[in-house]
Amino acid sequence: MKKRKIEVVVISDVHLGTFGCHAKQLLTYLNSIDPETLVLNGDIIDIWQFNKRYFPSSHLQVIKKITGMAAKGTKVIYLTGNHDDMLRKFSDVTIGNISILDKVVLNLDGKRAWIFHGDVFDVSIQNAKWLAKLGGYGYDLLILINRFMNWCLALFGREKFSLAKRLKNGVKRAVKYIDDFEEVSSDLAIAKGYDYVICGHIHQPQITTKENKEGETQYLNSGDWVENLTALEYKFKRWKLYHYSQDKLVPFYTDEVIKDASIDELMSAKKLKDPA
């Protein structure tokens, strides 16, 4: 089965090394695509919460997969975030097809995309790093509680839900922070003359047009692989927001062994598994 060819893919906030990371799903997605450029827009490895006692093989496989993609010709741009800010010591370093940067501007069909993680706008991180780290541990605990709740809901045939997302959407200050984040980044992009501004950090996947008196720009956020399992894809001169939960073919790429199987073979295998 052929992989989807994409010009640019942007993923962020994977948080490898934490309980909330959906590494297996991300690995499945990466197995299904063949991008020319892969932008890792911050917080890929969660160095803040790194614990050598918890780093499952699936998390390591994601790293191996990305380096393997680079070895096969994909240009990999690692943009540093707040949870992997230690890598900022190595900014502007390039090894083969892998570059480590703090921000990047891509020229796409005559338009310019300004890409960076976005933690530069977060006052709590800039002025009270210890408080932000404490919040990270609390978020990890919330994910564990959420998993237990969803396991209980599944037992009773109830629909799963994201506790973190519900809390964010229900707290006015959190909603205002997200709105302010989008407005500030968009206003800066317009002032600098960029056609696209692409961020991560706030775990809110989004594609929208922002306007002010000086002009307009397209604001994009790649979301995350903790709650939303999303990515941004650029192809045929337009951006699309990818949702893992809405992709009906991606499960066939769980194992690279079947990557060359035809659609008919995959459908036949599925019918054999389905009850009569």
C-alpha atoms as a PDB file:
ATOM      1  CA  MET A   1       0.000   0.000   0.000  1.00  0.00           C
ATOM      2  CA  LYS A   2       1.541   3.309  -1.095  1.00  0.00           C
ATOM      3  CA  LYS A   3       2.252   6.057   1.400  1.00  0.00           C
ATOM      4  CA  ARG A   4       0.707   9.483   0.955  1.00  0.00           C
ATOM      5  CA  LYS A   5       3.189  11.951  -0.528  1.00  0.00           C
ATOM      6  CA  ILE A   6       2.992  15.340   1.205  1.00  0.00           C
ATOM      7  CA  GLU A   7       5.112  18.451   0.685  1.00  0.00           C
ATOM      8  CA  VAL A   8       5.219  19.600   4.321  1.00  0.00           C
ATOM      9  CA  VAL A   9       4.009  17.964   7.544  1.00  0.00           C
ATOM     10  CA  VAL A  10       4.001  19.801  10.881  1.00  0.00           C
ATOM     11  CA  ILE A  11       3.556  17.988  14.189  1.00  0.00           C
ATOM     12  CA  SER A  12       4.083  19.314  17.695  1.00  0.00           C
ATOM     13  CA  ASP A  13       3.599  18.557  21.379  1.00  0.00           C
ATOM     14  CA  VAL A  14       4.180  14.818  21.199  1.00  0.00           C
ATOM     15  CA  HIS A  15       5.659  14.737  24.723  1.00  0.00           C
ATOM     16  CA  LEU A  16       7.615  11.509  24.329  1.00  0.00           C
ATOM     17  CA  GLY A  17       8.485  10.161  27.767  1.00  0.00           C
ATOM     18  CA  THR A  18       5.163  11.018  29.409  1.00  0.00           C
ATOM     19  CA  PHE A  19       2.089   8.913  30.169  1.00  0.00           C
ATOM     20  CA  GLY A  20      -0.131  11.057  27.971  1.00  0.00           C
ATOM     21  CA  CYS A  21       1.841  10.531  24.760  1.00  0.00           C
ATOM     22  CA  HIS A  22       0.111   8.455  22.051  1.00  0.00           C
ATOM     23  CA  ALA A  23       3.350   7.191  20.502  1.00  0.00           C
ATOM     24  CA  LYS A  24       1.825   4.124  18.823  1.00  0.00           C
ATOM     25  CA  GLN A  25      -0.753   6.225  16.997  1.00  0.00           C
ATOM     26  CA  LEU A  26       1.907   8.717  15.906  1.00  0.00           C
ATOM     27  CA  LEU A  27       4.111   5.891  14.658  1.00  0.00           C
ATOM     28  CA  THR A  28       1.191   4.545  12.641  1.00  0.00           C
ATOM     29  CA  TYR A  29       0.641   7.983  11.106  1.00  0.00           C
ATOM     30  CA  LEU A  30       4.329   8.410  10.254  1.00  0.00           C
ATOM     31  CA  ASN A  31       4.291   4.987   8.581  1.00  0.00           C
ATOM     32  CA  SER A  32       1.458   6.177   6.324  1.00  0.00           C
ATOM     33  CA  ILE A  33       3.126   9.317   4.910  1.00  0.00           C
ATOM     34  CA  ASP A  34       6.123  10.259   2.773  1.00  0.00           C
ATOM     35  CA  PRO A  35       6.777  13.973   3.373  1.00  0.00           C
ATOM     36  CA  GLU A  36       9.394  16.083   1.617  1.00  0.00           C
ATOM     37  CA  THR A  37       9.765  18.183   4.792  1.00  0.00           C
ATOM     38  CA  LEU A  38       8.823  17.179   8.336  1.00  0.00           C
ATOM     39  CA  VAL A  39       8.665  20.028  10.856  1.00  0.00           C
ATOM     40  CA  LEU A  40       8.757  18.953  14.506  1.00  0.00           C
ATOM     41  CA  ASN A  41       7.386  22.097  16.119  1.00  0.00           C
ATOM     42  CA  GLY A  42       8.515  21.738  19.723  1.00  0.00           C
ATOM     43  CA  ASP A  43       7.860  19.566  22.773  1.00  0.00           C
ATOM     44  CA  ILE A  44       8.554  16.359  20.857  1.00  0.00           C
ATOM     45  CA  ILE A  45      10.658  14.887  23.670  1.00  0.00           C
ATOM     46  CA  ASP A  46       9.499  16.005  27.112  1.00  0.00           C
ATOM     47  CA  ILE A  47      12.876  16.672  28.728  1.00  0.00           C
ATOM     48  CA  TRP A  48      11.200  18.474  31.657  1.00  0.00           C
ATOM     49  CA  GLN A  49       9.503  15.286  32.786  1.00  0.00           C
ATOM     50  CA  PHE A  50      11.984  12.780  31.420  1.00  0.00           C
ATOM     51  CA  ASN A  51      12.331   9.704  33.608  1.00  0.00           C
ATOM     52  CA  LYS A  52      14.572   6.805  32.601  1.00  0.00           C
ATOM     53  CA  ARG A  53      12.130   4.444  34.348  1.00  0.00           C
ATOM     54  CA  TYR A  54       9.407   5.398  31.853  1.00  0.00           C
ATOM     55  CA  PHE A  55      10.338   5.471  28.179  1.00  0.00           C
ATOM     56  CA  PRO A  56       8.412   2.672  26.399  1.00  0.00           C
ATOM     57  CA  SER A  57       9.737   1.025  23.258  1.00  0.00           C
ATOM     58  CA  SER A  58       6.993   2.706  21.195  1.00  0.00           C
ATOM     59  CA  HIS A  59       8.394   6.115  22.211  1.00  0.00           C
ATOM     60  CA  LEU A  60      11.860   5.044  21.107  1.00  0.00           C
ATOM     61  CA  GLN A  61      10.413   3.705  17.853  1.00  0.00           C
ATOM     62  CA  VAL A  62       9.061   7.181  17.039  1.00  0.00           C
ATOM     63  CA  ILE A  63      12.579   8.612  17.319  1.00  0.00           C
ATOM     64  CA  LYS A  64      13.985   5.787  15.193  1.00  0.00           C
ATOM     65  CA  LYS A  65      11.252   6.328  12.616  1.00  0.00           C
ATOM     66  CA  ILE A  66      11.996  10.044  12.306  1.00  0.00           C
ATOM     67  CA  THR A  67      15.741   9.493  11.943  1.00  0.00           C
ATOM     68  CA  GLY A  68      14.981   6.763   9.412  1.00  0.00           C
ATOM     69  CA  MET A  69      12.838   9.167   7.389  1.00  0.00           C
ATOM     70  CA  ALA A  70      15.708  11.661   7.394  1.00  0.00           C
ATOM     71  CA  ALA A  71      18.118   8.967   6.204  1.00  0.00           C
ATOM     72  CA  LYS A  72      15.764   8.240   3.277  1.00  0.00           C
ATOM     73  CA  GLY A  73      15.665  11.877   2.134  1.00  0.00           C
ATOM     74  CA  THR A  74      13.030  13.674   4.215  1.00  0.00           C
ATOM     75  CA  LYS A  75      14.196  17.076   5.424  1.00  0.00           C
ATOM     76  CA  VAL A  76      13.570  17.113   9.193  1.00  0.00           C
ATOM     77  CA  ILE A  77      13.424  20.479  10.986  1.00  0.00           C
ATOM     78  CA  TYR A  78      13.319  20.239  14.779  1.00  0.00           C
ATOM     79  CA  LEU A  79      12.055  23.501  16.287  1.00  0.00           C
ATOM     80  CA  THR A  80      12.644  23.748  20.019  1.00  0.00           C
ATOM     81  CA  GLY A  81       9.802  24.208  22.508  1.00  0.00           C
ATOM     82  CA  ASN A  82       9.609  24.813  26.240  1.00  0.00           C
ATOM     83  CA  HIS A  83       9.593  21.143  27.305  1.00  0.00           C
ATOM     84  CA  ASP A  84      12.683  20.465  25.173  1.00  0.00           C
ATOM     85  CA  ASP A  85      14.339  23.866  25.668  1.00  0.00           C
ATOM     86  CA  MET A  86      17.654  22.193  26.546  1.00  0.00           C
ATOM     87  CA  LEU A  87      18.054  21.610  22.812  1.00  0.00           C
ATOM     88  CA  ARG A  88      18.269  25.381  22.286  1.00  0.00           C
ATOM     89  CA  LYS A  89      21.955  25.011  23.149  1.00  0.00           C
ATOM     90  CA  PHE A  90      22.257  23.250  19.785  1.00  0.00           C
ATOM     91  CA  SER A  91      20.215  25.726  17.710  1.00  0.00           C
ATOM     92  CA  ASP A  92      21.434  26.179  14.124  1.00  0.00           C
ATOM     93  CA  VAL A  93      23.110  22.759  14.168  1.00  0.00           C
ATOM     94  CA  THR A  94      22.547  20.551  11.107  1.00  0.00           C
ATOM     95  CA  ILE A  95      23.437  16.875  10.871  1.00  0.00           C
ATOM     96  CA  GLY A  96      22.608  15.322   7.525  1.00  0.00           C
ATOM     97  CA  ASN A  97      18.945  16.046   6.819  1.00  0.00           C
ATOM     98  CA  ILE A  98      18.154  17.005  10.435  1.00  0.00           C
ATOM     99  CA  SER A  99      18.331  20.645  11.561  1.00  0.00           C
ATOM    100  CA  ILE A 100      17.710  22.056  15.044  1.00  0.00           C
ATOM    101  CA  LEU A 101      16.318  25.606  15.044  1.00  0.00           C
ATOM    102  CA  ASP A 102      14.231  27.898  17.240  1.00  0.00           C
ATOM    103  CA  LYS A 103      12.114  29.141  14.334  1.00  0.00           C
ATOM    104  CA  VAL A 104      12.019  28.825  10.562  1.00  0.00           C
ATOM    105  CA  VAL A 105      10.498  30.513   7.515  1.00  0.00           C
ATOM    106  CA  LEU A 106       9.475  28.251   4.636  1.00  0.00           C
ATOM    107  CA  ASN A 107       8.769  29.530   1.127  1.00  0.00           C
ATOM    108  CA  LEU A 108       5.724  27.680  -0.179  1.00  0.00           C
ATOM    109  CA  ASP A 109       4.520  28.423  -3.705  1.00  0.00           C
ATOM    110  CA  GLY A 110       5.355  32.108  -3.446  1.00  0.00           C
ATOM    111  CA  LYS A 111       4.061  32.499   0.109  1.00  0.00           C
ATOM    112  CA  ARG A 112       5.998  32.571   3.374  1.00  0.00           C
ATOM    113  CA  ALA A 113       5.220  30.432   6.416  1.00  0.00           C
ATOM    114  CA  TRP A 114       6.618  31.570   9.778  1.00  0.00           C
ATOM    115  CA  ILE A 115       6.871  28.546  12.083  1.00  0.00           C
ATOM    116  CA  PHE A 116       7.791  28.474  15.772  1.00  0.00           C
ATOM    117  CA  HIS A 117       6.564  26.673  18.911  1.00  0.00           C
ATOM    118  CA  GLY A 118       4.919  29.630  20.648  1.00  0.00           C
ATOM    119  CA  ASP A 119       6.130  29.432  24.248  1.00  0.00           C
ATOM    120  CA  VAL A 120       7.756  32.837  23.737  1.00  0.00           C
ATOM    121  CA  PHE A 121       4.293  34.298  24.439  1.00  0.00           C
ATOM    122  CA  ASP A 122       3.886  32.394  27.702  1.00  0.00           C
ATOM    123  CA  VAL A 123       4.734  34.695  30.615  1.00  0.00           C
ATOM    124  CA  SER A 124       4.534  31.838  33.159  1.00  0.00           C
ATOM    125  CA  ILE A 125       7.341  30.015  31.369  1.00  0.00           C
ATOM    126  CA  GLN A 126       9.526  33.066  30.878  1.00  0.00           C
ATOM    127  CA  ASN A 127       9.217  34.387  34.458  1.00  0.00           C
ATOM    128  CA  ALA A 128       8.449  31.321  36.601  1.00  0.00           C
ATOM    129  CA  LYS A 129       9.842  28.212  34.946  1.00  0.00           C
ATOM    130  CA  TRP A 130       9.513  26.122  38.110  1.00  0.00           C
ATOM    131  CA  LEU A 131       5.774  26.880  38.203  1.00  0.00           C
ATOM    132  CA  ALA A 132       5.370  25.845  34.579  1.00  0.00           C
ATOM    133  CA  LYS A 133       7.206  22.574  35.267  1.00  0.00           C
ATOM    134  CA  LEU A 134       4.951  21.910  38.246  1.00  0.00           C
ATOM    135  CA  GLY A 135       1.970  22.454  35.978  1.00  0.00           C
ATOM    136  CA  GLY A 136       3.437  19.911  33.561  1.00  0.00           C
ATOM    137  CA  TYR A 137       3.508  17.237  36.256  1.00  0.00           C
ATOM    138  CA  GLY A 138      -0.067  18.105  37.207  1.00  0.00           C
ATOM    139  CA  TYR A 139      -1.119  17.753  33.572  1.00  0.00           C
ATOM    140  CA  ASP A 140       0.518  14.315  33.404  1.00  0.00           C
ATOM    141  CA  LEU A 141      -1.400  13.266  36.538  1.00  0.00           C
ATOM    142  CA  LEU A 142      -4.618  14.548  34.968  1.00  0.00           C
ATOM    143  CA  ILE A 143      -3.982  12.355  31.914  1.00  0.00           C
ATOM    144  CA  LEU A 144      -3.571   9.274  34.122  1.00  0.00           C
ATOM    145  CA  ILE A 145      -6.833  10.048  35.943  1.00  0.00           C
ATOM    146  CA  ASN A 146      -8.532  10.585  32.582  1.00  0.00           C
ATOM    147  CA  ARG A 147      -7.354   7.184  31.315  1.00  0.00           C
ATOM    148  CA  PHE A 148      -8.812   5.459  34.366  1.00  0.00           C
ATOM    149  CA  MET A 149     -12.102   7.347  33.935  1.00  0.00           C
ATOM    150  CA  ASN A 150     -12.302   6.383  30.253  1.00  0.00           C
ATOM    151  CA  TRP A 151     -11.596   2.735  31.144  1.00  0.00           C
ATOM    152  CA  CYS A 152     -14.545   2.841  33.552  1.00  0.00           C
ATOM    153  CA  LEU A 153     -16.750   4.549  30.945  1.00  0.00           C
ATOM    154  CA  ALA A 154     -15.842   1.871  28.381  1.00  0.00           C
ATOM    155  CA  LEU A 155     -16.956  -0.849  30.816  1.00  0.00           C
ATOM    156  CA  PHE A 156     -20.417   0.692  30.889  1.00  0.00           C
ATOM    157  CA  GLY A 157     -20.516   1.368  27.146  1.00  0.00           C
ATOM    158  CA  ARG A 158     -20.223   5.128  27.585  1.00  0.00           C
ATOM    159  CA  GLU A 159     -18.371   7.479  25.260  1.00  0.00           C
ATOM    160  CA  LYS A 160     -14.824   8.502  26.208  1.00  0.00           C
ATOM    161  CA  PHE A 161     -13.920  12.148  26.683  1.00  0.00           C
ATOM    162  CA  SER A 162     -10.885  14.343  27.333  1.00  0.00           C
ATOM    163  CA  LEU A 163     -10.917  15.722  30.861  1.00  0.00           C
ATOM    164  CA  ALA A 164      -8.088  18.163  30.089  1.00  0.00           C
ATOM    165  CA  LYS A 165      -9.891  19.507  27.021  1.00  0.00           C
ATOM    166  CA  ARG A 166     -13.147  19.895  28.929  1.00  0.00           C
ATOM    167  CA  LEU A 167     -11.380  21.804  31.704  1.00  0.00           C
ATOM    168  CA  LYS A 168      -9.665  24.084  29.195  1.00  0.00           C
ATOM    169  CA  ASN A 169     -12.888  24.852  27.355  1.00  0.00           C
ATOM    170  CA  GLY A 170     -14.771  25.407  30.595  1.00  0.00           C
ATOM    171  CA  VAL A 171     -12.343  27.815  32.257  1.00  0.00           C
ATOM    172  CA  LYS A 172     -12.729  31.392  31.036  1.00  0.00           C
ATOM    173  CA  ARG A 173      -9.096  32.282  31.708  1.00  0.00           C
ATOM    174  CA  ALA A 174      -7.909  29.320  29.620  1.00  0.00           C
ATOM    175  CA  VAL A 175     -10.224  30.287  26.741  1.00  0.00           C
ATOM    176  CA  LYS A 176      -9.013  33.892  26.923  1.00  0.00           C
ATOM    177  CA  TYR A 177      -5.375  32.742  26.938  1.00  0.00           C
ATOM    178  CA  ILE A 178      -5.923  30.728  23.758  1.00  0.00           C
ATOM    179  CA  ASP A 179      -7.676  33.674  22.071  1.00  0.00           C
ATOM    180  CA  ASP A 180      -4.881  36.052  23.110  1.00  0.00           C
ATOM    181  CA  PHE A 181      -2.229  33.591  21.913  1.00  0.00           C
ATOM    182  CA  GLU A 182      -3.821  33.415  18.463  1.00  0.00           C
ATOM    183  CA  GLU A 183      -4.270  37.195  18.231  1.00  0.00           C
ATOM    184  CA  VAL A 184      -0.715  38.092  19.306  1.00  0.00           C
ATOM    185  CA  SER A 185       0.970  35.584  16.986  1.00  0.00           C
ATOM    186  CA  SER A 186      -1.262  36.636  14.072  1.00  0.00           C
ATOM    187  CA  ASP A 187      -0.702  40.371  14.630  1.00  0.00           C
ATOM    188  CA  LEU A 188       3.076  39.806  14.653  1.00  0.00           C
ATOM    189  CA  ALA A 189       2.885  37.727  11.460  1.00  0.00           C
ATOM    190  CA  ILE A 190       0.859  40.445   9.717  1.00  0.00           C
ATOM    191  CA  ALA A 191       3.332  43.114  10.834  1.00  0.00           C
ATOM    192  CA  LYS A 192       6.221  41.039   9.455  1.00  0.00           C
ATOM    193  CA  GLY A 193       4.402  40.308   6.193  1.00  0.00           C
ATOM    194  CA  TYR A 194       4.057  36.537   6.581  1.00  0.00           C
ATOM    195  CA  ASP A 195       1.247  34.705   4.793  1.00  0.00           C
ATOM    196  CA  TYR A 196       1.085  31.911   7.382  1.00  0.00           C
ATOM    197  CA  VAL A 197       1.971  31.738  11.074  1.00  0.00           C
ATOM    198  CA  ILE A 198       2.232  28.196  12.442  1.00  0.00           C
ATOM    199  CA  CYS A 199       2.486  27.381  16.153  1.00  0.00           C
ATOM    200  CA  GLY A 200       2.014  24.555  18.642  1.00  0.00           C
ATOM    201  CA  HIS A 201       2.261  24.841  22.427  1.00  0.00           C
ATOM    202  CA  ILE A 202      -1.419  25.349  23.353  1.00  0.00           C
ATOM    203  CA  HIS A 203      -2.627  21.930  22.121  1.00  0.00           C
ATOM    204  CA  GLN A 204      -5.479  23.515  20.141  1.00  0.00           C
ATOM    205  CA  PRO A 205      -5.545  22.418  16.454  1.00  0.00           C
ATOM    206  CA  GLN A 206      -6.715  25.275  14.279  1.00  0.00           C
ATOM    207  CA  ILE A 207      -6.721  26.791  10.802  1.00  0.00           C
ATOM    208  CA  THR A 208      -8.280  30.235  10.547  1.00  0.00           C
ATOM    209  CA  THR A 209      -7.789  33.590   8.829  1.00  0.00           C
ATOM    210  CA  LYS A 210      -6.903  36.511  11.093  1.00  0.00           C
ATOM    211  CA  GLU A 211      -7.318  40.153  10.097  1.00  0.00           C
ATOM    212  CA  ASN A 212      -6.445  43.565  11.505  1.00  0.00           C
ATOM    213  CA  LYS A 213      -6.050  47.090  10.117  1.00  0.00           C
ATOM    214  CA  GLU A 214      -2.655  46.217   8.614  1.00  0.00           C
ATOM    215  CA  GLY A 215      -3.748  43.143   6.669  1.00  0.00           C
ATOM    216  CA  GLU A 216      -4.397  39.447   7.140  1.00  0.00           C
ATOM    217  CA  THR A 217      -2.650  36.135   7.651  1.00  0.00           C
ATOM    218  CA  GLN A 218      -3.604  32.509   8.083  1.00  0.00           C
ATOM    219  CA  TYR A 219      -3.096  31.248  11.635  1.00  0.00           C
ATOM    220  CA  LEU A 220      -2.445  27.518  11.996  1.00  0.00           C
ATOM    221  CA  ASN A 221      -1.834  25.327  15.027  1.00  0.00           C
ATOM    222  CA  SER A 222      -0.766  21.697  14.687  1.00  0.00           C
ATOM    223  CA  GLY A 223      -2.449  20.631  17.951  1.00  0.00           C
ATOM    224  CA  ASP A 224      -0.811  17.717  19.769  1.00  0.00           C
ATOM    225  CA  TRP A 225      -0.424  13.934  20.178  1.00  0.00           C
ATOM    226  CA  VAL A 226      -1.719  13.818  23.744  1.00  0.00           C
ATOM    227  CA  GLU A 227      -5.361  14.895  23.454  1.00  0.00           C
ATOM    228  CA  ASN A 228      -6.184  15.642  19.805  1.00  0.00           C
ATOM    229  CA  LEU A 229      -3.768  13.478  17.745  1.00  0.00           C
ATOM    230  CA  THR A 230      -3.490  16.022  14.927  1.00  0.00           C
ATOM    231  CA  ALA A 231      -1.003  17.347  12.384  1.00  0.00           C
ATOM    232  CA  LEU A 232      -0.821  19.960   9.650  1.00  0.00           C
ATOM    233  CA  GLU A 233      -0.277  18.887   6.042  1.00  0.00           C
ATOM    234  CA  TYR A 234       0.619  21.121   3.078  1.00  0.00           C
ATOM    235  CA  LYS A 235      -0.103  19.877  -0.430  1.00  0.00           C
ATOM    236  CA  PHE A 236      -1.483  21.347  -3.647  1.00  0.00           C
ATOM    237  CA  LYS A 237      -0.902  24.904  -2.384  1.00  0.00           C
ATOM    238  CA  ARG A 238      -3.127  24.560   0.668  1.00  0.00           C
ATOM    239  CA  TRP A 239      -2.996  23.500   4.306  1.00  0.00           C
ATOM    240  CA  LYS A 240      -5.146  20.772   5.810  1.00  0.00           C
ATOM    241  CA  LEU A 241      -5.641  19.760   9.417  1.00  0.00           C
ATOM    242  CA  TYR A 242      -5.149  16.013   9.813  1.00  0.00           C
ATOM    243  CA  HIS A 243      -7.110  14.143  12.508  1.00  0.00           C
ATOM    244  CA  TYR A 244      -5.933  10.625  13.338  1.00  0.00           C
ATOM    245  CA  SER A 245      -9.404   9.676  14.624  1.00  0.00           C
ATOM    246  CA  GLN A 246     -10.951  10.517  11.226  1.00  0.00           C
ATOM    247  CA  ASP A 247      -8.446   8.590   9.099  1.00  0.00           C
ATOM    248  CA  LYS A 248      -9.999   5.288   8.018  1.00  0.00           C
ATOM    249  CA  LEU A 249      -6.915   3.942   6.226  1.00  0.00           C
ATOM    250  CA  VAL A 250      -4.177   4.800   8.737  1.00  0.00           C
ATOM    251  CA  PRO A 251      -4.701   1.643  10.911  1.00  0.00           C
ATOM    252  CA  PHE A 252      -3.402  -0.443   7.996  1.00  0.00           C
ATOM    253  CA  TYR A 253       0.025   1.151   8.501  1.00  0.00           C
ATOM    254  CA  THR A 254       0.514  -0.028  12.076  1.00  0.00           C
ATOM    255  CA  ASP A 255       3.155  -2.453  10.883  1.00  0.00           C
ATOM    256  CA  GLU A 256       5.520  -1.433   8.079  1.00  0.00           C
ATOM    257  CA  VAL A 257       5.555  -5.053   6.891  1.00  0.00           C
ATOM    258  CA  ILE A 258       2.211  -4.479   5.148  1.00  0.00           C
ATOM    259  CA  LYS A 259       3.102  -1.130   3.617  1.00  0.00           C
ATOM    260  CA  ASP A 260       3.251  -2.585   0.100  1.00  0.00           C
ATOM    261  CA  ALA A 261      -0.007  -4.529   0.314  1.00  0.00           C
ATOM    262  CA  SER A 262      -2.751  -3.562  -2.124  1.00  0.00           C
ATOM    263  CA  ILE A 263      -6.144  -2.181  -1.119  1.00  0.00           C
ATOM    264  CA  ASP A 264      -7.836  -5.433  -2.258  1.00  0.00           C
ATOM    265  CA  GLU A 265      -5.497  -7.516  -0.091  1.00  0.00           C
ATOM    266  CA  LEU A 266      -6.123  -5.316   2.930  1.00  0.00           C
ATOM    267  CA  MET A 267      -9.892  -5.424   2.468  1.00  0.00           C
ATOM    268  CA  SER A 268      -9.768  -9.208   2.084  1.00  0.00           C
ATOM    269  CA  ALA A 269      -7.789  -9.490   5.312  1.00  0.00           C
ATOM    270  CA  LYS A 270     -10.325  -7.287   7.071  1.00  0.00           C
ATOM    271  CA  LYS A 271     -13.243  -9.456   5.872  1.00  0.00           C
ATOM    272  CA  LEU A 272     -11.554 -12.552   7.243  1.00  0.00           C
ATOM    273  CA  LYS A 273     -11.372 -10.889  10.642  1.00  0.00           C
ATOM    274  CA  ASP A 274     -14.939  -9.570  10.599  1.00  0.00           C
ATOM    275  CA  PRO A 275     -17.625 -11.926  11.971  1.00  0.00           C
ATOM    276  CA  ALA A 276     -20.093 -13.342   9.449  1.00  0.00           C
END
